[in-house]
Amino acid sequence: MGSFLWLATEPSAAASQLAEAVEAHGIGLNFNLLETNLINLAIVIAVLFYFGRQFLGKVLTERREAIAVAIQEAEAKRQQAAIALAEEQQKLTQAQAEVEKIRASATETAKAARAAILAKAADDVKRMQENAVQDLTSAQERVMGELRQRIATLALTQVESQLKSQLDAAKQQQLIDRSIALLGGSR
């Protein structure tokens, strides 16, 4: 590792020493970066293509299959969601129809209750009027009875006072005799 760092930090000195060592032993290295990189890159690509083709093909096939499965699952979920949406819309439609039925029923019930209340109120008014008429008639009869009694009392009082002033003892005796004669008795 130390020699690698030394080569990396001292490229020109290391290259010249390496070149001298290679010439001494008869092996030669090309230190031209452009030439060596292209060759190395071509070798790496060839090795990757040869060995990685099966691996990369296998990975891509698995990925394609996983994507296809995911698409199928998504499509199945979409269809299930569409079915669930249709069911919920049908339930909503049924609920709205039920609400409309309840509203119509409530309206009919309210109309019937209103009619019943109005009929009862009319009956109550009629009964109250009849009671008022009966109360008025009975009050009228009572007042008439009281008036008759007062009139009779007043008439008797007045007749008594007139009789006392106009009737002397002889007229009284004559009136008594006449009344007894009318009753059927004689004196």
N, C-alpha and C. Protein backbone atom coordinates (compact mmCIF):
# COMPACT_ATOMS: atom_id res chain seq x y z
N MET A 1 0.82 -1.17 0.00
CA MET A 1 0.00 0.00 0.00
C MET A 1 0.87 1.25 0.00
N GLY A 2 1.97 1.18 0.70
CA GLY A 2 2.88 2.33 0.74
C GLY A 2 3.46 2.64 -0.61
N SER A 3 3.79 1.60 -1.43
CA SER A 3 4.35 1.85 -2.75
C SER A 3 3.30 2.45 -3.68
N PHE A 4 2.03 2.06 -3.49
CA PHE A 4 0.96 2.63 -4.32
C PHE A 4 0.81 4.11 -4.05
N LEU A 5 0.86 4.47 -2.75
CA LEU A 5 0.76 5.88 -2.42
C LEU A 5 1.98 6.64 -2.95
N TRP A 6 3.08 5.99 -2.90
CA TRP A 6 4.28 6.63 -3.40
C TRP A 6 4.20 6.84 -4.89
N LEU A 7 3.60 5.84 -5.60
CA LEU A 7 3.43 5.97 -7.04
C LEU A 7 2.42 7.07 -7.37
N ALA A 8 1.38 7.18 -6.54
CA ALA A 8 0.35 8.16 -6.80
C ALA A 8 0.87 9.56 -6.55
N THR A 9 1.73 9.73 -5.57
CA THR A 9 2.23 11.07 -5.25
C THR A 9 3.40 11.46 -6.14
N GLU A 10 4.13 10.53 -6.58
CA GLU A 10 5.30 10.82 -7.40
C GLU A 10 5.17 10.11 -8.74
N PRO A 11 4.28 10.54 -9.61
CA PRO A 11 4.06 9.79 -10.83
C PRO A 11 5.25 9.88 -11.79
N SER A 12 5.85 10.96 -11.91
CA SER A 12 6.94 11.06 -12.89
C SER A 12 8.19 10.31 -12.43
N ALA A 13 8.52 10.37 -11.16
CA ALA A 13 9.70 9.67 -10.63
C ALA A 13 9.43 8.18 -10.62
N ALA A 14 8.21 7.81 -10.22
CA ALA A 14 7.87 6.41 -10.15
C ALA A 14 7.83 5.82 -11.55
N ALA A 15 7.32 6.55 -12.49
CA ALA A 15 7.22 6.07 -13.86
C ALA A 15 8.61 5.87 -14.45
N SER A 16 9.48 6.76 -14.17
CA SER A 16 10.84 6.62 -14.72
C SER A 16 11.57 5.46 -14.08
N GLN A 17 11.38 5.25 -12.78
CA GLN A 17 12.02 4.12 -12.11
C GLN A 17 11.43 2.81 -12.61
N LEU A 18 10.12 2.79 -12.78
CA LEU A 18 9.47 1.59 -13.26
C LEU A 18 9.91 1.29 -14.69
N ALA A 19 10.05 2.28 -15.50
CA ALA A 19 10.49 2.11 -16.88
C ALA A 19 11.90 1.56 -16.92
N GLU A 20 12.75 2.02 -16.07
CA GLU A 20 14.12 1.53 -16.01
C GLU A 20 14.14 0.06 -15.58
N ALA A 21 13.29 -0.26 -14.58
CA ALA A 21 13.25 -1.64 -14.10
C ALA A 21 12.72 -2.56 -15.18
N VAL A 22 11.74 -2.13 -15.93
CA VAL A 22 11.14 -2.95 -16.98
C VAL A 22 12.16 -3.14 -18.10
N GLU A 23 12.91 -2.15 -18.48
CA GLU A 23 13.89 -2.25 -19.55
C GLU A 23 15.00 -3.19 -19.13
N ALA A 24 15.29 -3.19 -17.86
CA ALA A 24 16.35 -4.07 -17.39
C ALA A 24 15.91 -5.51 -17.46
N HIS A 25 14.68 -5.76 -17.24
CA HIS A 25 14.18 -7.14 -17.25
C HIS A 25 13.60 -7.53 -18.60
N GLY A 26 13.34 -6.67 -19.49
CA GLY A 26 12.86 -6.97 -20.81
C GLY A 26 11.35 -6.86 -20.96
N ILE A 27 10.60 -6.48 -19.96
CA ILE A 27 9.16 -6.30 -20.06
C ILE A 27 8.92 -4.82 -20.20
N GLY A 28 7.99 -4.47 -21.07
CA GLY A 28 7.75 -3.05 -21.25
C GLY A 28 6.29 -2.69 -20.99
N LEU A 29 6.12 -1.57 -20.33
CA LEU A 29 4.79 -1.04 -20.04
C LEU A 29 4.62 0.26 -20.78
N ASN A 30 3.41 0.47 -21.24
CA ASN A 30 3.10 1.71 -21.94
C ASN A 30 2.45 2.65 -20.92
N PHE A 31 3.09 3.76 -20.70
CA PHE A 31 2.58 4.71 -19.72
C PHE A 31 1.79 5.86 -20.36
N ASN A 32 1.41 5.73 -21.59
CA ASN A 32 0.59 6.73 -22.24
C ASN A 32 -0.85 6.49 -21.77
N LEU A 33 -1.37 7.48 -21.08
CA LEU A 33 -2.67 7.32 -20.42
C LEU A 33 -3.80 7.11 -21.41
N LEU A 34 -3.82 7.80 -22.51
CA LEU A 34 -4.91 7.66 -23.46
C LEU A 34 -4.95 6.26 -24.05
N GLU A 35 -3.83 5.73 -24.43
CA GLU A 35 -3.80 4.40 -25.03
C GLU A 35 -4.17 3.32 -24.00
N THR A 36 -3.61 3.42 -22.84
CA THR A 36 -3.84 2.39 -21.84
C THR A 36 -5.28 2.44 -21.31
N ASN A 37 -5.87 3.60 -21.18
CA ASN A 37 -7.26 3.69 -20.70
C ASN A 37 -8.25 3.13 -21.70
N LEU A 38 -8.06 3.37 -22.95
CA LEU A 38 -8.97 2.84 -23.95
C LEU A 38 -8.91 1.33 -24.00
N ILE A 39 -7.70 0.80 -23.91
CA ILE A 39 -7.54 -0.65 -23.93
C ILE A 39 -8.18 -1.25 -22.67
N ASN A 40 -7.90 -0.65 -21.53
CA ASN A 40 -8.47 -1.14 -20.27
C ASN A 40 -10.01 -1.04 -20.29
N LEU A 41 -10.50 0.04 -20.81
CA LEU A 41 -11.95 0.23 -20.89
C LEU A 41 -12.58 -0.82 -21.81
N ALA A 42 -11.94 -1.10 -22.93
CA ALA A 42 -12.44 -2.11 -23.85
C ALA A 42 -12.42 -3.49 -23.19
N ILE A 43 -11.35 -3.78 -22.45
CA ILE A 43 -11.26 -5.07 -21.75
C ILE A 43 -12.36 -5.18 -20.70
N VAL A 44 -12.56 -4.12 -19.90
CA VAL A 44 -13.60 -4.13 -18.86
C VAL A 44 -14.98 -4.30 -19.48
N ILE A 45 -15.25 -3.61 -20.57
CA ILE A 45 -16.55 -3.71 -21.24
C ILE A 45 -16.76 -5.11 -21.78
N ALA A 46 -15.72 -5.70 -22.38
CA ALA A 46 -15.82 -7.05 -22.94
C ALA A 46 -16.09 -8.06 -21.81
N VAL A 47 -15.37 -7.92 -20.69
CA VAL A 47 -15.56 -8.83 -19.57
C VAL A 47 -16.98 -8.66 -19.00
N LEU A 48 -17.41 -7.42 -18.84
CA LEU A 48 -18.76 -7.16 -18.34
C LEU A 48 -19.82 -7.70 -19.30
N PHE A 49 -19.58 -7.49 -20.59
CA PHE A 49 -20.54 -7.97 -21.56
C PHE A 49 -20.61 -9.50 -21.55
N TYR A 50 -19.48 -10.14 -21.49
CA TYR A 50 -19.46 -11.61 -21.52
C TYR A 50 -20.03 -12.21 -20.24
N PHE A 51 -19.55 -11.73 -19.09
CA PHE A 51 -19.99 -12.31 -17.83
C PHE A 51 -21.28 -11.64 -17.29
N GLY A 52 -21.43 -10.37 -17.55
CA GLY A 52 -22.56 -9.64 -16.99
C GLY A 52 -23.83 -9.74 -17.80
N ARG A 53 -23.70 -10.26 -19.06
CA ARG A 53 -24.87 -10.36 -19.90
C ARG A 53 -25.92 -11.27 -19.26
N GLN A 54 -25.52 -12.40 -18.78
CA GLN A 54 -26.45 -13.32 -18.14
C GLN A 54 -26.99 -12.71 -16.84
N PHE A 55 -26.09 -12.14 -16.05
CA PHE A 55 -26.52 -11.55 -14.78
C PHE A 55 -27.45 -10.37 -15.02
N LEU A 56 -27.03 -9.47 -15.91
CA LEU A 56 -27.83 -8.29 -16.21
C LEU A 56 -29.16 -8.69 -16.86
N GLY A 57 -29.12 -9.69 -17.75
CA GLY A 57 -30.36 -10.19 -18.37
C GLY A 57 -31.30 -10.77 -17.33
N LYS A 58 -30.71 -11.52 -16.40
CA LYS A 58 -31.51 -12.11 -15.34
C LYS A 58 -32.14 -11.03 -14.46
N VAL A 59 -31.35 -10.03 -14.08
CA VAL A 59 -31.84 -8.93 -13.25
C VAL A 59 -32.93 -8.15 -13.98
N LEU A 60 -32.72 -7.87 -15.26
CA LEU A 60 -33.71 -7.13 -16.03
C LEU A 60 -34.99 -7.95 -16.22
N THR A 61 -34.85 -9.26 -16.41
CA THR A 61 -36.03 -10.12 -16.55
C THR A 61 -36.83 -10.14 -15.24
N GLU A 62 -36.13 -10.27 -14.13
CA GLU A 62 -36.81 -10.26 -12.84
C GLU A 62 -37.50 -8.92 -12.61
N ARG A 63 -36.80 -7.87 -12.97
CA ARG A 63 -37.37 -6.52 -12.80
C ARG A 63 -38.61 -6.36 -13.68
N ARG A 64 -38.54 -6.83 -14.93
CA ARG A 64 -39.67 -6.75 -15.85
C ARG A 64 -40.85 -7.55 -15.29
N GLU A 65 -40.57 -8.75 -14.76
CA GLU A 65 -41.63 -9.58 -14.19
C GLU A 65 -42.25 -8.91 -12.95
N ALA A 66 -41.38 -8.32 -12.12
CA ALA A 66 -41.89 -7.63 -10.92
C ALA A 66 -42.76 -6.44 -11.32
N ILE A 67 -42.37 -5.73 -12.35
CA ILE A 67 -43.17 -4.59 -12.83
C ILE A 67 -44.49 -5.08 -13.40
N ALA A 68 -44.45 -6.19 -14.15
CA ALA A 68 -45.67 -6.75 -14.73
C ALA A 68 -46.63 -7.19 -13.62
N VAL A 69 -46.08 -7.84 -12.57
CA VAL A 69 -46.92 -8.27 -11.44
C VAL A 69 -47.51 -7.05 -10.74
N ALA A 70 -46.68 -6.02 -10.54
CA ALA A 70 -47.16 -4.80 -9.89
C ALA A 70 -48.27 -4.15 -10.72
N ILE A 71 -48.12 -4.15 -12.04
CA ILE A 71 -49.14 -3.56 -12.92
C ILE A 71 -50.43 -4.38 -12.83
N GLN A 72 -50.29 -5.72 -12.82
CA GLN A 72 -51.48 -6.56 -12.71
C GLN A 72 -52.18 -6.35 -11.37
N GLU A 73 -51.39 -6.25 -10.29
CA GLU A 73 -51.99 -6.00 -8.97
C GLU A 73 -52.68 -4.64 -8.94
N ALA A 74 -52.03 -3.65 -9.53
CA ALA A 74 -52.63 -2.31 -9.57
C ALA A 74 -53.92 -2.32 -10.37
N GLU A 75 -53.92 -3.07 -11.49
CA GLU A 75 -55.13 -3.17 -12.31
C GLU A 75 -56.24 -3.87 -11.53
N ALA A 76 -55.88 -4.96 -10.80
CA ALA A 76 -56.88 -5.67 -10.00
C ALA A 76 -57.43 -4.76 -8.91
N LYS A 77 -56.54 -4.00 -8.26
CA LYS A 77 -56.99 -3.07 -7.22
C LYS A 77 -57.88 -1.98 -7.81
N ARG A 78 -57.52 -1.52 -9.02
CA ARG A 78 -58.35 -0.50 -9.69
C ARG A 78 -59.73 -1.06 -9.98
N GLN A 79 -59.79 -2.30 -10.46
CA GLN A 79 -61.09 -2.92 -10.74
C GLN A 79 -61.89 -3.12 -9.45
N GLN A 80 -61.21 -3.55 -8.39
CA GLN A 80 -61.90 -3.72 -7.10
C GLN A 80 -62.41 -2.37 -6.60
N ALA A 81 -61.59 -1.34 -6.77
CA ALA A 81 -62.01 0.00 -6.34
C ALA A 81 -63.21 0.48 -7.17
N ALA A 82 -63.18 0.17 -8.48
CA ALA A 82 -64.31 0.56 -9.34
C ALA A 82 -65.58 -0.17 -8.90
N ILE A 83 -65.45 -1.45 -8.56
CA ILE A 83 -66.60 -2.23 -8.09
C ILE A 83 -67.11 -1.67 -6.77
N ALA A 84 -66.15 -1.39 -5.86
CA ALA A 84 -66.55 -0.84 -4.55
C ALA A 84 -67.21 0.53 -4.73
N LEU A 85 -66.68 1.34 -5.66
CA LEU A 85 -67.27 2.65 -5.93
C LEU A 85 -68.69 2.49 -6.46
N ALA A 86 -68.89 1.54 -7.38
CA ALA A 86 -70.24 1.31 -7.93
C ALA A 86 -71.19 0.86 -6.82
N GLU A 87 -70.71 -0.03 -5.94
CA GLU A 87 -71.56 -0.50 -4.84
C GLU A 87 -71.92 0.66 -3.90
N GLU A 88 -70.93 1.49 -3.59
CA GLU A 88 -71.18 2.62 -2.69
C GLU A 88 -72.12 3.63 -3.34
N GLN A 89 -71.96 3.83 -4.66
CA GLN A 89 -72.88 4.74 -5.34
C GLN A 89 -74.29 4.18 -5.33
N GLN A 90 -74.42 2.86 -5.49
CA GLN A 90 -75.74 2.24 -5.42
C GLN A 90 -76.32 2.39 -4.02
N LYS A 91 -75.48 2.19 -2.99
CA LYS A 91 -75.94 2.37 -1.62
C LYS A 91 -76.36 3.82 -1.38
N LEU A 92 -75.59 4.76 -1.94
CA LEU A 92 -75.94 6.18 -1.80
C LEU A 92 -77.28 6.47 -2.47
N THR A 93 -77.48 5.90 -3.66
CA THR A 93 -78.75 6.09 -4.36
C THR A 93 -79.90 5.51 -3.54
N GLN A 94 -79.68 4.32 -2.97
CA GLN A 94 -80.72 3.71 -2.14
C GLN A 94 -80.98 4.55 -0.90
N ALA A 95 -79.90 5.06 -0.30
CA ALA A 95 -80.07 5.90 0.90
C ALA A 95 -80.84 7.18 0.55
N GLN A 96 -80.52 7.76 -0.61
CA GLN A 96 -81.25 8.97 -1.02
C GLN A 96 -82.71 8.65 -1.27
N ALA A 97 -82.99 7.49 -1.87
CA ALA A 97 -84.39 7.09 -2.10
C ALA A 97 -85.09 6.88 -0.76
N GLU A 98 -84.40 6.28 0.19
CA GLU A 98 -84.98 6.06 1.52
C GLU A 98 -85.25 7.39 2.21
N VAL A 99 -84.30 8.32 2.08
CA VAL A 99 -84.49 9.66 2.66
C VAL A 99 -85.71 10.33 2.04
N GLU A 100 -85.86 10.18 0.73
CA GLU A 100 -87.01 10.78 0.05
C GLU A 100 -88.31 10.15 0.53
N LYS A 101 -88.30 8.81 0.73
CA LYS A 101 -89.49 8.14 1.25
C LYS A 101 -89.82 8.65 2.65
N ILE A 102 -88.79 8.76 3.48
CA ILE A 102 -89.00 9.25 4.85
C ILE A 102 -89.53 10.67 4.83
N ARG A 103 -88.96 11.49 3.95
CA ARG A 103 -89.42 12.89 3.84
C ARG A 103 -90.87 12.94 3.40
N ALA A 104 -91.23 12.12 2.40
CA ALA A 104 -92.63 12.08 1.93
C ALA A 104 -93.55 11.58 3.04
N SER A 105 -93.10 10.55 3.75
CA SER A 105 -93.90 10.02 4.86
C SER A 105 -94.08 11.07 5.94
N ALA A 106 -92.99 11.78 6.26
CA ALA A 106 -93.08 12.83 7.28
C ALA A 106 -94.02 13.94 6.83
N THR A 107 -93.97 14.28 5.55
CA THR A 107 -94.87 15.31 5.03
C THR A 107 -96.32 14.87 5.14
N GLU A 108 -96.58 13.61 4.76
CA GLU A 108 -97.94 13.08 4.86
C GLU A 108 -98.39 13.03 6.32
N THR A 109 -97.49 12.60 7.20
CA THR A 109 -97.83 12.54 8.62
C THR A 109 -98.12 13.94 9.15
N ALA A 110 -97.31 14.91 8.73
CA ALA A 110 -97.53 16.29 9.18
C ALA A 110 -98.86 16.82 8.66
N LYS A 111 -99.19 16.49 7.40
CA LYS A 111 -100.47 16.94 6.85
C LYS A 111 -101.63 16.31 7.61
N ALA A 112 -101.49 15.01 7.89
CA ALA A 112 -102.55 14.31 8.64
C ALA A 112 -102.69 14.89 10.04
N ALA A 113 -101.55 15.16 10.69
CA ALA A 113 -101.58 15.74 12.04
C ALA A 113 -102.19 17.14 12.00
N ARG A 114 -101.84 17.89 10.97
CA ARG A 114 -102.39 19.24 10.83
C ARG A 114 -103.91 19.18 10.65
N ALA A 115 -104.35 18.25 9.79
CA ALA A 115 -105.79 18.10 9.57
C ALA A 115 -106.49 17.67 10.85
N ALA A 116 -105.86 16.74 11.58
CA ALA A 116 -106.46 16.27 12.85
C ALA A 116 -106.53 17.41 13.86
N ILE A 117 -105.46 18.21 13.94
CA ILE A 117 -105.44 19.34 14.88
C ILE A 117 -106.50 20.37 14.49
N LEU A 118 -106.61 20.65 13.18
CA LEU A 118 -107.62 21.61 12.73
C LEU A 118 -109.03 21.09 13.01
N ALA A 119 -109.25 19.78 12.77
CA ALA A 119 -110.57 19.20 13.04
C ALA A 119 -110.88 19.27 14.54
N LYS A 120 -109.89 18.94 15.35
CA LYS A 120 -110.10 18.99 16.80
C LYS A 120 -110.36 20.43 17.25
N ALA A 121 -109.61 21.37 16.67
CA ALA A 121 -109.81 22.77 17.03
C ALA A 121 -111.22 23.22 16.62
N ALA A 122 -111.66 22.80 15.43
CA ALA A 122 -113.02 23.16 14.99
C ALA A 122 -114.05 22.55 15.93
N ASP A 123 -113.83 21.28 16.32
CA ASP A 123 -114.75 20.64 17.27
C ASP A 123 -114.74 21.38 18.60
N ASP A 124 -113.54 21.76 19.07
CA ASP A 124 -113.44 22.49 20.34
C ASP A 124 -114.16 23.84 20.26
N VAL A 125 -114.00 24.54 19.13
CA VAL A 125 -114.68 25.83 18.95
C VAL A 125 -116.18 25.62 18.94
N LYS A 126 -116.64 24.58 18.23
CA LYS A 126 -118.08 24.31 18.17
C LYS A 126 -118.62 23.97 19.57
N ARG A 127 -117.88 23.12 20.29
CA ARG A 127 -118.30 22.76 21.65
C ARG A 127 -118.30 23.98 22.56
N MET A 128 -117.28 24.84 22.42
CA MET A 128 -117.24 26.05 23.24
C MET A 128 -118.40 26.98 22.90
N GLN A 129 -118.74 27.06 21.60
CA GLN A 129 -119.87 27.90 21.21
C GLN A 129 -121.17 27.33 21.79
N GLU A 130 -121.32 25.99 21.71
CA GLU A 130 -122.52 25.37 22.27
C GLU A 130 -122.59 25.60 23.78
N ASN A 131 -121.45 25.45 24.44
CA ASN A 131 -121.41 25.70 25.89
C ASN A 131 -121.74 27.16 26.19
N ALA A 132 -121.24 28.05 25.36
CA ALA A 132 -121.52 29.48 25.57
C ALA A 132 -123.01 29.76 25.36
N VAL A 133 -123.58 29.14 24.33
CA VAL A 133 -125.01 29.33 24.07
C VAL A 133 -125.81 28.78 25.24
N GLN A 134 -125.42 27.57 25.71
CA GLN A 134 -126.14 26.99 26.84
C GLN A 134 -125.98 27.85 28.09
N ASP A 135 -124.75 28.32 28.32
CA ASP A 135 -124.54 29.21 29.47
C ASP A 135 -125.36 30.49 29.34
N LEU A 136 -125.39 31.03 28.13
CA LEU A 136 -126.16 32.25 27.89
C LEU A 136 -127.65 31.98 28.09
N THR A 137 -128.14 30.84 27.57
CA THR A 137 -129.55 30.50 27.72
C THR A 137 -129.90 30.30 29.19
N SER A 138 -129.06 29.56 29.90
CA SER A 138 -129.36 29.33 31.33
C SER A 138 -129.26 30.63 32.12
N ALA A 139 -128.30 31.48 31.77
CA ALA A 139 -128.20 32.77 32.46
C ALA A 139 -129.41 33.63 32.14
N GLN A 140 -129.83 33.54 30.89
CA GLN A 140 -131.00 34.32 30.47
C GLN A 140 -132.24 33.83 31.22
N GLU A 141 -132.40 32.51 31.30
CA GLU A 141 -133.55 31.95 32.01
C GLU A 141 -133.50 32.31 33.49
N ARG A 142 -132.32 32.26 34.09
CA ARG A 142 -132.18 32.61 35.50
C ARG A 142 -132.53 34.08 35.72
N VAL A 143 -132.02 34.94 34.83
CA VAL A 143 -132.31 36.37 34.95
C VAL A 143 -133.81 36.61 34.75
N MET A 144 -134.39 35.91 33.77
CA MET A 144 -135.83 36.07 33.53
C MET A 144 -136.62 35.61 34.76
N GLY A 145 -136.20 34.49 35.35
CA GLY A 145 -136.87 33.99 36.55
C GLY A 145 -136.76 35.00 37.69
N GLU A 146 -135.55 35.57 37.86
CA GLU A 146 -135.37 36.57 38.92
C GLU A 146 -136.23 37.80 38.64
N LEU A 147 -136.27 38.20 37.35
CA LEU A 147 -137.09 39.37 36.99
C LEU A 147 -138.57 39.10 37.25
N ARG A 148 -139.04 37.92 36.90
CA ARG A 148 -140.44 37.57 37.15
C ARG A 148 -140.75 37.60 38.65
N GLN A 149 -139.80 37.04 39.40
CA GLN A 149 -140.01 37.01 40.85
C GLN A 149 -140.04 38.44 41.42
N ARG A 150 -139.14 39.28 40.94
CA ARG A 150 -139.11 40.67 41.42
C ARG A 150 -140.38 41.41 41.00
N ILE A 151 -140.75 41.15 39.73
CA ILE A 151 -141.97 41.83 39.24
C ILE A 151 -143.18 41.38 40.06
N ALA A 152 -143.23 40.07 40.31
CA ALA A 152 -144.36 39.56 41.11
C ALA A 152 -144.32 40.16 42.51
N THR A 153 -143.12 40.21 43.10
CA THR A 153 -143.00 40.77 44.44
C THR A 153 -143.39 42.24 44.43
N LEU A 154 -142.92 42.96 43.46
CA LEU A 154 -143.26 44.39 43.35
C LEU A 154 -144.76 44.58 43.11
N ALA A 155 -145.32 43.72 42.25
CA ALA A 155 -146.76 43.83 41.95
C ALA A 155 -147.58 43.55 43.21
N LEU A 156 -147.15 42.51 43.95
CA LEU A 156 -147.87 42.19 45.18
C LEU A 156 -147.75 43.32 46.20
N THR A 157 -146.57 43.87 46.29
CA THR A 157 -146.35 44.97 47.23
C THR A 157 -147.22 46.16 46.83
N GLN A 158 -147.25 46.43 45.57
CA GLN A 158 -148.04 47.57 45.10
C GLN A 158 -149.54 47.31 45.27
N VAL A 159 -149.97 46.09 44.96
CA VAL A 159 -151.38 45.75 45.12
C VAL A 159 -151.76 45.85 46.58
N GLU A 160 -150.91 45.35 47.47
CA GLU A 160 -151.18 45.41 48.91
C GLU A 160 -151.31 46.86 49.37
N SER A 161 -150.40 47.70 48.89
CA SER A 161 -150.47 49.10 49.30
C SER A 161 -151.73 49.77 48.76
N GLN A 162 -152.13 49.42 47.54
CA GLN A 162 -153.34 50.00 46.97
C GLN A 162 -154.57 49.45 47.68
N LEU A 163 -154.52 48.18 47.98
CA LEU A 163 -155.65 47.58 48.66
C LEU A 163 -155.83 48.21 50.06
N LYS A 164 -154.75 48.42 50.72
CA LYS A 164 -154.83 49.00 52.06
C LYS A 164 -155.41 50.41 52.00
N SER A 165 -155.04 51.14 50.96
CA SER A 165 -155.54 52.50 50.88
C SER A 165 -156.98 52.54 50.32
N GLN A 166 -157.35 51.63 49.46
CA GLN A 166 -158.67 51.67 48.84
C GLN A 166 -159.67 50.73 49.53
N LEU A 167 -159.22 49.81 50.25
CA LEU A 167 -160.10 48.80 50.83
C LEU A 167 -160.41 49.18 52.28
N ASP A 168 -161.61 49.37 52.54
CA ASP A 168 -162.01 49.59 53.93
C ASP A 168 -162.59 48.30 54.46
N ALA A 169 -163.12 48.28 55.58
CA ALA A 169 -163.59 47.05 56.22
C ALA A 169 -164.79 46.49 55.48
N ALA A 170 -165.70 47.27 54.97
CA ALA A 170 -166.90 46.79 54.28
C ALA A 170 -166.49 46.15 52.96
N LYS A 171 -165.58 46.72 52.25
CA LYS A 171 -165.13 46.17 50.98
C LYS A 171 -164.37 44.88 51.22
N GLN A 172 -163.65 44.83 52.32
CA GLN A 172 -162.90 43.61 52.63
C GLN A 172 -163.88 42.48 52.88
N GLN A 173 -164.94 42.75 53.63
CA GLN A 173 -165.92 41.72 53.94
C GLN A 173 -166.61 41.27 52.65
N GLN A 174 -166.88 42.14 51.78
CA GLN A 174 -167.53 41.81 50.53
C GLN A 174 -166.58 40.96 49.66
N LEU A 175 -165.33 41.27 49.60
CA LEU A 175 -164.33 40.52 48.82
C LEU A 175 -164.15 39.12 49.38
N ILE A 176 -164.14 38.98 50.66
CA ILE A 176 -164.00 37.66 51.30
C ILE A 176 -165.21 36.82 50.97
N ASP A 177 -166.40 37.38 51.05
CA ASP A 177 -167.61 36.62 50.75
C ASP A 177 -167.59 36.16 49.29
N ARG A 178 -167.20 36.99 48.42
CA ARG A 178 -167.18 36.64 47.00
C ARG A 178 -166.17 35.52 46.77
N SER A 179 -165.05 35.58 47.39
CA SER A 179 -164.01 34.56 47.20
C SER A 179 -164.49 33.22 47.75
N ILE A 180 -165.21 33.21 48.85
CA ILE A 180 -165.73 31.97 49.41
C ILE A 180 -166.80 31.42 48.51
N ALA A 181 -167.63 32.27 47.94
CA ALA A 181 -168.68 31.83 47.02
C ALA A 181 -168.05 31.20 45.79
N LEU A 182 -166.99 31.73 45.33
CA LEU A 182 -166.32 31.16 44.15
C LEU A 182 -165.70 29.81 44.47
N LEU A 183 -165.27 29.61 45.64
CA LEU A 183 -164.66 28.34 46.03
C LEU A 183 -165.71 27.27 46.26
N GLY A 184 -166.88 27.65 46.37
CA GLY A 184 -167.93 26.68 46.49
C GLY A 184 -168.54 26.60 47.88
N GLY A 185 -168.26 27.44 48.63
CA GLY A 185 -168.83 27.40 49.96
C GLY A 185 -169.74 28.60 50.18
N SER A 186 -170.59 28.53 51.14
CA SER A 186 -171.44 29.69 51.40
C SER A 186 -171.31 30.07 52.84
N ARG A 187 -171.78 31.24 53.20
CA ARG A 187 -171.65 31.73 54.54
C ARG A 187 -172.95 32.09 55.13
